[in-house]
């Protein structure tokens, strides 16, 4: 099954749950008929609160209905109260988020170079010492006497090889 098919089935299932929740409570809510008409027309603003599994429906005239399809409940509430409740629910997970952020910082510290590693490589005396080592090696290789010695060694090896 493709992801799109699975996603479409999930959307259809959620719609069924919402309509079932709306249909369970048809008598006590003045906004129900307005919301159900908007649902049929498709001009609702829908907000989902993942912390409480609630759907918040709001039409263009700010009629608001909160639906919890898993509990089968329907509540008519002022929009500000619903948003405040969602905000409080989100703050309840602040400790969890802080803990996860700290775990990520610890993992990154263990994985990547530390400031001390970088500072050592950027230290001027360290860089100068490294450059002097490289320069002395280059000077030694370019030194005429060194080259002459190596040249003589090669000549001796060739003569030895030819004598065999």
N, C-alpha and C. Protein backbone atom coordinates (compact mmCIF):
# COMPACT_ATOMS: atom_id res chain seq x y z
N UNK A 1 0.85 -1.17 0.00
CA UNK A 1 0.00 0.00 0.00
C UNK A 1 0.89 1.24 0.00
N UNK A 2 0.57 2.19 -0.86
CA UNK A 2 1.40 3.39 -0.94
C UNK A 2 1.11 4.31 0.24
N UNK A 3 2.03 5.24 0.44
CA UNK A 3 1.86 6.20 1.55
C UNK A 3 0.63 7.08 1.32
N UNK A 4 0.39 7.43 0.05
CA UNK A 4 -0.76 8.28 -0.26
C UNK A 4 -2.07 7.57 0.07
N UNK A 5 -2.15 6.27 -0.27
CA UNK A 5 -3.36 5.51 0.02
C UNK A 5 -3.57 5.40 1.52
N UNK A 6 -2.50 5.13 2.25
CA UNK A 6 -2.59 5.04 3.71
C UNK A 6 -3.01 6.38 4.29
N UNK A 7 -2.46 7.45 3.77
CA UNK A 7 -2.80 8.79 4.26
C UNK A 7 -4.27 9.11 3.98
N UNK A 8 -4.75 8.76 2.79
CA UNK A 8 -6.16 9.01 2.44
C UNK A 8 -7.08 8.21 3.36
N UNK A 9 -6.72 6.97 3.64
CA UNK A 9 -7.55 6.15 4.53
C UNK A 9 -7.58 6.75 5.93
N UNK A 10 -6.45 7.25 6.39
CA UNK A 10 -6.39 7.87 7.71
C UNK A 10 -7.26 9.12 7.75
N UNK A 11 -7.20 9.92 6.69
CA UNK A 11 -8.04 11.13 6.62
C UNK A 11 -9.51 10.75 6.65
N UNK A 12 -9.89 9.74 5.86
CA UNK A 12 -11.29 9.31 5.83
C UNK A 12 -11.72 8.79 7.20
N UNK A 13 -10.85 8.03 7.86
CA UNK A 13 -11.17 7.51 9.19
C UNK A 13 -11.36 8.65 10.18
N UNK A 14 -10.49 9.65 10.14
CA UNK A 14 -10.61 10.80 11.04
C UNK A 14 -11.90 11.55 10.78
N UNK A 15 -12.26 11.70 9.51
CA UNK A 15 -13.53 12.37 9.18
C UNK A 15 -14.70 11.60 9.79
N UNK A 16 -14.68 10.27 9.67
CA UNK A 16 -15.75 9.46 10.23
C UNK A 16 -15.83 9.64 11.75
N UNK A 17 -14.69 9.64 12.41
CA UNK A 17 -14.68 9.83 13.86
C UNK A 17 -15.25 11.19 14.24
N UNK A 18 -14.90 12.22 13.47
CA UNK A 18 -15.40 13.57 13.75
C UNK A 18 -16.90 13.63 13.58
N UNK A 19 -17.39 13.09 12.47
CA UNK A 19 -18.83 13.13 12.22
C UNK A 19 -19.56 12.32 13.28
N UNK A 20 -19.01 11.17 13.68
CA UNK A 20 -19.64 10.38 14.74
C UNK A 20 -19.72 11.18 16.04
N UNK A 21 -18.63 11.87 16.38
CA UNK A 21 -18.62 12.67 17.61
C UNK A 21 -19.63 13.80 17.51
N UNK A 22 -19.72 14.42 16.34
CA UNK A 22 -20.70 15.50 16.17
C UNK A 22 -22.12 14.95 16.28
N UNK A 23 -22.37 13.79 15.72
CA UNK A 23 -23.72 13.22 15.71
C UNK A 23 -24.16 12.72 17.09
N UNK A 24 -23.23 12.40 17.97
CA UNK A 24 -23.58 11.91 19.31
C UNK A 24 -24.21 12.99 20.18
N UNK A 25 -23.90 14.23 19.93
CA UNK A 25 -24.32 15.32 20.81
C UNK A 25 -25.03 16.40 20.01
N UNK A 26 -26.23 16.10 19.56
CA UNK A 26 -26.92 17.04 18.68
C UNK A 26 -27.85 17.98 19.43
N UNK A 27 -28.14 17.75 20.68
CA UNK A 27 -29.21 18.50 21.32
C UNK A 27 -28.77 19.72 22.11
N UNK A 28 -27.64 19.67 22.81
CA UNK A 28 -27.33 20.69 23.79
C UNK A 28 -26.52 21.87 23.26
N UNK A 29 -26.11 21.86 22.02
CA UNK A 29 -25.16 22.86 21.59
C UNK A 29 -25.74 23.74 20.49
N UNK A 30 -25.77 25.01 20.75
CA UNK A 30 -26.33 25.95 19.79
C UNK A 30 -25.49 26.05 18.53
N UNK A 31 -24.19 25.89 18.65
CA UNK A 31 -23.31 26.00 17.49
C UNK A 31 -23.29 24.74 16.64
N UNK A 32 -23.89 23.65 17.13
CA UNK A 32 -23.77 22.39 16.42
C UNK A 32 -24.29 22.49 14.99
N UNK A 33 -25.49 23.04 14.83
CA UNK A 33 -26.07 23.07 13.48
C UNK A 33 -25.24 23.96 12.57
N UNK A 34 -24.74 25.07 13.10
CA UNK A 34 -23.91 25.96 12.29
C UNK A 34 -22.61 25.26 11.89
N UNK A 35 -22.00 24.55 12.84
CA UNK A 35 -20.75 23.85 12.56
C UNK A 35 -20.99 22.70 11.59
N UNK A 36 -22.08 21.94 11.81
CA UNK A 36 -22.31 20.80 10.92
C UNK A 36 -22.59 21.28 9.50
N UNK A 37 -23.27 22.42 9.35
CA UNK A 37 -23.47 22.98 8.01
C UNK A 37 -22.13 23.39 7.40
N UNK A 38 -21.27 24.02 8.20
CA UNK A 38 -19.96 24.42 7.71
C UNK A 38 -19.13 23.20 7.34
N UNK A 39 -19.29 22.12 8.12
CA UNK A 39 -18.57 20.88 7.82
C UNK A 39 -18.99 20.33 6.47
N UNK A 40 -20.28 20.39 6.21
CA UNK A 40 -20.78 19.91 4.91
C UNK A 40 -20.28 20.79 3.78
N UNK A 41 -20.22 22.09 4.02
CA UNK A 41 -19.78 23.03 2.98
C UNK A 41 -18.26 23.06 2.86
N UNK A 42 -17.56 22.62 3.87
CA UNK A 42 -16.10 22.57 3.82
C UNK A 42 -15.42 23.90 4.06
N UNK A 43 -16.06 24.84 4.74
CA UNK A 43 -15.42 26.13 4.98
C UNK A 43 -15.08 26.34 6.46
N UNK A 44 -14.63 25.28 7.10
CA UNK A 44 -14.22 25.36 8.50
C UNK A 44 -12.72 25.52 8.62
N UNK A 45 -12.32 26.24 9.65
CA UNK A 45 -10.91 26.25 10.04
C UNK A 45 -10.77 25.14 11.08
N UNK A 46 -9.83 24.23 10.85
CA UNK A 46 -9.66 23.10 11.75
C UNK A 46 -8.29 23.19 12.41
N UNK A 47 -8.28 23.12 13.73
CA UNK A 47 -7.03 23.09 14.48
C UNK A 47 -7.01 21.78 15.25
N UNK A 48 -5.88 21.08 15.20
CA UNK A 48 -5.76 19.81 15.91
C UNK A 48 -4.80 20.00 17.07
N UNK A 49 -5.23 19.59 18.25
CA UNK A 49 -4.37 19.62 19.42
C UNK A 49 -3.88 18.20 19.68
N UNK A 50 -2.62 17.88 19.31
CA UNK A 50 -2.14 16.51 19.47
C UNK A 50 -1.99 16.08 20.92
N UNK A 51 -1.92 17.04 21.83
CA UNK A 51 -1.77 16.69 23.25
C UNK A 51 -3.05 16.07 23.82
N UNK A 52 -4.20 16.50 23.30
CA UNK A 52 -5.47 16.02 23.84
C UNK A 52 -6.30 15.27 22.82
N UNK A 53 -5.80 15.11 21.59
CA UNK A 53 -6.53 14.47 20.50
C UNK A 53 -7.83 15.20 20.17
N UNK A 54 -7.87 16.49 20.41
CA UNK A 54 -9.08 17.25 20.13
C UNK A 54 -8.96 17.98 18.80
N UNK A 55 -10.11 18.12 18.15
CA UNK A 55 -10.21 18.91 16.94
C UNK A 55 -10.99 20.18 17.30
N UNK A 56 -10.47 21.29 16.92
CA UNK A 56 -11.13 22.56 17.19
C UNK A 56 -11.64 23.09 15.85
N UNK A 57 -12.97 23.16 15.72
CA UNK A 57 -13.58 23.68 14.49
C UNK A 57 -14.01 25.11 14.71
N UNK A 58 -13.73 25.94 13.75
CA UNK A 58 -14.17 27.33 13.84
C UNK A 58 -14.60 27.77 12.45
N UNK A 59 -15.82 28.28 12.35
CA UNK A 59 -16.27 28.74 11.04
C UNK A 59 -15.93 30.21 10.86
N UNK A 60 -16.32 30.77 9.73
CA UNK A 60 -15.93 32.14 9.40
C UNK A 60 -16.55 33.16 10.35
N UNK A 61 -17.61 32.79 11.07
CA UNK A 61 -18.24 33.72 12.02
C UNK A 61 -17.81 33.43 13.45
N UNK A 62 -16.71 32.69 13.59
CA UNK A 62 -16.13 32.35 14.90
C UNK A 62 -17.03 31.49 15.79
N UNK A 63 -17.95 30.72 15.20
CA UNK A 63 -18.65 29.70 15.98
C UNK A 63 -17.65 28.58 16.20
N UNK A 64 -17.50 28.16 17.43
CA UNK A 64 -16.43 27.22 17.77
C UNK A 64 -16.99 25.97 18.43
N UNK A 65 -16.49 24.81 17.98
CA UNK A 65 -16.84 23.54 18.60
C UNK A 65 -15.57 22.72 18.74
N UNK A 66 -15.42 22.09 19.90
CA UNK A 66 -14.26 21.24 20.16
C UNK A 66 -14.73 19.79 20.18
N UNK A 67 -14.08 18.94 19.37
CA UNK A 67 -14.48 17.54 19.26
C UNK A 67 -13.32 16.66 19.68
N UNK A 68 -13.60 15.71 20.56
CA UNK A 68 -12.62 14.69 20.89
C UNK A 68 -13.16 13.36 20.38
N UNK A 69 -12.72 12.93 19.18
CA UNK A 69 -13.31 11.74 18.57
C UNK A 69 -12.99 10.45 19.33
N UNK A 70 -11.88 10.40 20.04
CA UNK A 70 -11.55 9.17 20.76
C UNK A 70 -12.46 8.99 21.97
N UNK A 71 -12.88 10.09 22.57
CA UNK A 71 -13.79 10.01 23.73
C UNK A 71 -15.25 10.13 23.29
N UNK A 72 -15.47 10.56 22.04
CA UNK A 72 -16.84 10.76 21.57
C UNK A 72 -17.51 11.94 22.23
N UNK A 73 -16.74 12.98 22.55
CA UNK A 73 -17.32 14.15 23.22
C UNK A 73 -17.30 15.36 22.31
N UNK A 74 -18.24 16.22 22.57
CA UNK A 74 -18.37 17.46 21.81
C UNK A 74 -18.59 18.58 22.81
N UNK A 75 -17.79 19.61 22.74
CA UNK A 75 -17.90 20.71 23.70
C UNK A 75 -17.94 22.03 22.95
N UNK A 76 -18.85 22.85 23.36
CA UNK A 76 -18.91 24.21 22.83
C UNK A 76 -18.16 25.09 23.82
N UNK A 77 -17.06 25.66 23.38
CA UNK A 77 -16.24 26.46 24.27
C UNK A 77 -15.82 27.74 23.56
N UNK A 78 -15.52 28.78 24.33
CA UNK A 78 -14.94 29.96 23.71
C UNK A 78 -13.56 29.64 23.16
N UNK A 79 -13.22 30.25 22.06
CA UNK A 79 -11.94 29.97 21.40
C UNK A 79 -10.76 30.25 22.32
N UNK A 80 -10.81 31.32 23.10
CA UNK A 80 -9.69 31.66 23.98
C UNK A 80 -9.44 30.57 25.02
N UNK A 81 -10.50 30.01 25.57
CA UNK A 81 -10.36 28.95 26.57
C UNK A 81 -9.69 27.72 25.96
N UNK A 82 -10.09 27.37 24.75
CA UNK A 82 -9.50 26.20 24.09
C UNK A 82 -8.02 26.42 23.79
N UNK A 83 -7.69 27.60 23.32
CA UNK A 83 -6.30 27.88 23.00
C UNK A 83 -5.44 27.91 24.26
N UNK A 84 -5.99 28.46 25.35
CA UNK A 84 -5.27 28.48 26.63
C UNK A 84 -5.03 27.06 27.12
N UNK A 85 -6.03 26.20 27.01
CA UNK A 85 -5.89 24.80 27.43
C UNK A 85 -4.80 24.12 26.61
N UNK A 86 -4.77 24.35 25.31
CA UNK A 86 -3.74 23.75 24.45
C UNK A 86 -2.37 24.26 24.84
N UNK A 87 -2.28 25.55 25.18
CA UNK A 87 -1.00 26.13 25.58
C UNK A 87 -0.50 25.49 26.88
N UNK A 88 -1.39 25.30 27.84
CA UNK A 88 -1.01 24.67 29.11
C UNK A 88 -0.56 23.23 28.88
N UNK A 89 -1.29 22.51 28.02
CA UNK A 89 -0.90 21.12 27.72
C UNK A 89 0.48 21.07 27.10
N UNK A 90 0.78 22.00 26.22
CA UNK A 90 2.09 22.02 25.57
C UNK A 90 3.20 22.33 26.57
N UNK A 91 2.93 23.19 27.55
CA UNK A 91 3.94 23.53 28.56
C UNK A 91 4.22 22.35 29.47
N UNK A 92 3.27 21.43 29.61
CA UNK A 92 3.47 20.26 30.46
C UNK A 92 4.60 19.38 29.93
N UNK A 93 4.86 19.45 28.65
CA UNK A 93 5.92 18.64 28.07
C UNK A 93 7.25 19.38 28.03
N UNK A 94 7.34 20.51 28.70
CA UNK A 94 8.57 21.30 28.68
C UNK A 94 9.75 20.51 29.26
N UNK A 95 9.52 19.80 30.36
CA UNK A 95 10.59 19.01 30.98
C UNK A 95 11.09 17.94 30.02
N UNK A 96 10.17 17.28 29.33
CA UNK A 96 10.55 16.25 28.37
C UNK A 96 11.41 16.85 27.26
N UNK A 97 11.00 18.00 26.76
CA UNK A 97 11.74 18.66 25.68
C UNK A 97 13.14 19.05 26.17
N UNK A 98 13.23 19.63 27.36
CA UNK A 98 14.53 20.03 27.91
C UNK A 98 15.44 18.81 28.05
N UNK A 99 14.88 17.70 28.51
CA UNK A 99 15.68 16.47 28.66
C UNK A 99 16.20 15.99 27.31
N UNK A 100 15.34 16.01 26.29
CA UNK A 100 15.75 15.55 24.95
C UNK A 100 16.79 16.49 24.34
N UNK A 101 16.64 17.78 24.57
CA UNK A 101 17.62 18.74 24.05
C UNK A 101 18.98 18.50 24.71
N UNK A 102 18.98 18.25 26.02
CA UNK A 102 20.24 17.97 26.72
C UNK A 102 20.89 16.70 26.19
N UNK A 103 20.08 15.67 25.93
CA UNK A 103 20.63 14.43 25.36
C UNK A 103 21.29 14.71 24.01
N UNK A 104 20.66 15.54 23.19
CA UNK A 104 21.22 15.87 21.88
C UNK A 104 22.52 16.66 22.03
N UNK A 105 22.57 17.58 22.98
CA UNK A 105 23.81 18.33 23.23
C UNK A 105 24.93 17.38 23.66
N UNK A 106 24.61 16.44 24.55
CA UNK A 106 25.62 15.48 25.00
C UNK A 106 26.13 14.63 23.85
N UNK A 107 25.21 14.19 22.99
CA UNK A 107 25.61 13.38 21.84
C UNK A 107 26.50 14.18 20.90
N UNK A 108 26.13 15.43 20.65
CA UNK A 108 26.93 16.28 19.76
C UNK A 108 28.31 16.54 20.35
N UNK A 109 28.37 16.78 21.65
CA UNK A 109 29.67 17.01 22.30
C UNK A 109 30.58 15.79 22.15
N UNK A 110 30.00 14.61 22.25
CA UNK A 110 30.81 13.39 22.13
C UNK A 110 31.22 13.12 20.69
N UNK A 111 30.46 13.63 19.74
CA UNK A 111 30.70 13.31 18.33
C UNK A 111 31.63 14.29 17.64
N UNK A 112 31.45 15.57 17.90
CA UNK A 112 32.16 16.60 17.13
C UNK A 112 33.36 17.15 17.90
N UNK A 113 34.24 17.84 17.18
CA UNK A 113 35.45 18.42 17.77
C UNK A 113 35.07 19.44 18.83
N UNK A 114 35.85 19.46 19.89
CA UNK A 114 35.60 20.42 20.96
C UNK A 114 36.34 21.71 20.68
N UNK A 115 36.03 22.71 21.47
CA UNK A 115 36.68 24.01 21.31
C UNK A 115 38.19 23.89 21.55
N UNK A 116 38.58 23.06 22.51
CA UNK A 116 40.01 22.88 22.81
C UNK A 116 40.75 22.30 21.61
N UNK A 117 40.12 21.34 20.93
CA UNK A 117 40.75 20.75 19.74
C UNK A 117 40.99 21.80 18.67
N UNK A 118 39.99 22.62 18.46
CA UNK A 118 40.07 23.65 17.41
C UNK A 118 41.07 24.73 17.80
N UNK A 119 41.06 25.14 19.07
CA UNK A 119 41.98 26.19 19.51
C UNK A 119 43.44 25.76 19.36
N UNK A 120 43.73 24.50 19.65
CA UNK A 120 45.10 24.02 19.53
C UNK A 120 45.56 24.13 18.08
N UNK A 121 44.73 23.75 17.16
CA UNK A 121 45.09 23.80 15.76
C UNK A 121 45.17 25.24 15.25
N UNK A 122 44.47 26.14 15.88
CA UNK A 122 44.48 27.53 15.44
C UNK A 122 45.52 28.36 16.19
N UNK A 123 46.18 27.77 17.18
CA UNK A 123 47.19 28.48 17.96
C UNK A 123 48.37 28.85 17.07
N UNK A 124 48.82 30.09 17.16
CA UNK A 124 49.88 30.60 16.28
C UNK A 124 51.20 29.85 16.46
N UNK A 125 51.59 29.60 17.70
CA UNK A 125 52.88 28.91 17.92
C UNK A 125 52.80 27.48 17.40
N UNK A 126 51.67 26.83 17.60
CA UNK A 126 51.50 25.47 17.07
C UNK A 126 51.64 25.46 15.55
N UNK A 127 50.99 26.40 14.89
CA UNK A 127 51.06 26.49 13.42
C UNK A 127 52.49 26.79 12.98
N UNK A 128 53.14 27.73 13.67
CA UNK A 128 54.53 28.07 13.31
C UNK A 128 55.46 26.86 13.47
N UNK A 129 55.31 26.11 14.56
CA UNK A 129 56.13 24.91 14.76
C UNK A 129 55.93 23.90 13.64
N UNK A 130 54.68 23.70 13.27
CA UNK A 130 54.39 22.75 12.19
C UNK A 130 55.00 23.22 10.87
N UNK A 131 54.89 24.52 10.60
CA UNK A 131 55.47 25.06 9.37
C UNK A 131 56.99 24.94 9.36
N UNK A 132 57.63 25.15 10.51
CA UNK A 132 59.08 25.01 10.59
C UNK A 132 59.52 23.58 10.31
N UNK A 133 58.78 22.62 10.83
CA UNK A 133 59.11 21.21 10.56
C UNK A 133 59.02 20.91 9.07
N UNK A 134 57.96 21.37 8.45
CA UNK A 134 57.79 21.15 7.01
C UNK A 134 58.89 21.87 6.24
N UNK A 135 59.18 23.10 6.62
CA UNK A 135 60.21 23.88 5.92
C UNK A 135 61.58 23.23 6.06
N UNK A 136 61.91 22.74 7.26
CA UNK A 136 63.22 22.11 7.44
C UNK A 136 63.32 20.83 6.61
N UNK A 137 62.25 20.09 6.51
CA UNK A 137 62.26 18.89 5.68
C UNK A 137 62.47 19.25 4.22
N UNK A 138 61.82 20.30 3.78
CA UNK A 138 61.99 20.74 2.38
C UNK A 138 63.40 21.24 2.13
N UNK A 139 63.94 21.99 3.07
CA UNK A 139 65.30 22.52 2.91
C UNK A 139 66.29 21.36 2.85
N UNK A 140 66.10 20.37 3.71
CA UNK A 140 67.00 19.22 3.72
C UNK A 140 66.97 18.50 2.37
N UNK A 141 65.79 18.32 1.84
CA UNK A 141 65.68 17.63 0.56
C UNK A 141 66.27 18.45 -0.58
N UNK A 142 66.21 19.73 -0.46
CA UNK A 142 66.73 20.59 -1.52
C UNK A 142 68.21 20.89 -1.34
N UNK A 143 68.75 20.54 -0.21
CA UNK A 143 70.16 20.80 0.06
C UNK A 143 71.04 20.04 -0.95
N UNK A 144 72.00 20.74 -1.55
CA UNK A 144 72.83 20.17 -2.61
C UNK A 144 73.63 18.97 -2.11
N UNK A 145 74.18 19.08 -0.94
CA UNK A 145 74.96 17.96 -0.41
C UNK A 145 74.09 16.71 -0.26
N UNK A 146 72.89 16.92 0.24
CA UNK A 146 71.96 15.81 0.41
C UNK A 146 71.69 15.15 -0.94
N UNK A 147 71.42 15.98 -1.94
CA UNK A 147 71.14 15.47 -3.28
C UNK A 147 72.36 14.73 -3.83
N UNK A 148 73.54 15.30 -3.63
CA UNK A 148 74.77 14.65 -4.11
C UNK A 148 74.96 13.29 -3.45
N UNK A 149 74.70 13.22 -2.14
CA UNK A 149 74.84 11.95 -1.43
C UNK A 149 73.91 10.89 -2.01
N UNK A 150 72.68 11.28 -2.21
CA UNK A 150 71.70 10.34 -2.76
C UNK A 150 72.10 9.93 -4.17
N UNK A 151 72.60 10.87 -4.94
CA UNK A 151 73.04 10.60 -6.31
C UNK A 151 74.17 9.57 -6.30
N UNK A 152 75.13 9.75 -5.41
CA UNK A 152 76.25 8.81 -5.30
C UNK A 152 75.77 7.42 -4.87
N UNK A 153 74.82 7.37 -3.94
CA UNK A 153 74.28 6.08 -3.51
C UNK A 153 73.64 5.34 -4.68
N UNK A 154 72.90 6.08 -5.47
CA UNK A 154 72.24 5.46 -6.63
C UNK A 154 73.28 4.95 -7.62
N UNK A 155 74.32 5.75 -7.85
CA UNK A 155 75.37 5.32 -8.79
C UNK A 155 76.04 4.05 -8.29
N UNK A 156 76.31 3.97 -6.99
CA UNK A 156 76.94 2.78 -6.43
C UNK A 156 76.04 1.55 -6.61
N UNK A 157 74.76 1.70 -6.39
CA UNK A 157 73.82 0.59 -6.56
C UNK A 157 73.80 0.11 -8.01
N UNK A 158 73.82 1.07 -8.93
CA UNK A 158 73.81 0.71 -10.36
C UNK A 158 75.08 -0.05 -10.72
N UNK A 159 76.23 0.42 -10.25
CA UNK A 159 77.50 -0.26 -10.52
C UNK A 159 77.48 -1.67 -9.94
N UNK A 160 77.00 -1.79 -8.71
CA UNK A 160 76.93 -3.11 -8.08
C UNK A 160 76.05 -4.05 -8.89
N UNK A 161 74.91 -3.53 -9.35
CA UNK A 161 73.98 -4.33 -10.14
C UNK A 161 74.62 -4.78 -11.45
N UNK A 162 75.36 -3.87 -12.10
CA UNK A 162 76.01 -4.19 -13.37
C UNK A 162 77.14 -5.20 -13.19
N UNK A 163 77.80 -5.20 -12.06
CA UNK A 163 78.90 -6.13 -11.80
C UNK A 163 78.38 -7.55 -11.60
N UNK A 164 77.24 -7.73 -11.19
CA UNK A 164 76.68 -9.07 -10.94
C UNK A 164 76.53 -9.81 -12.18
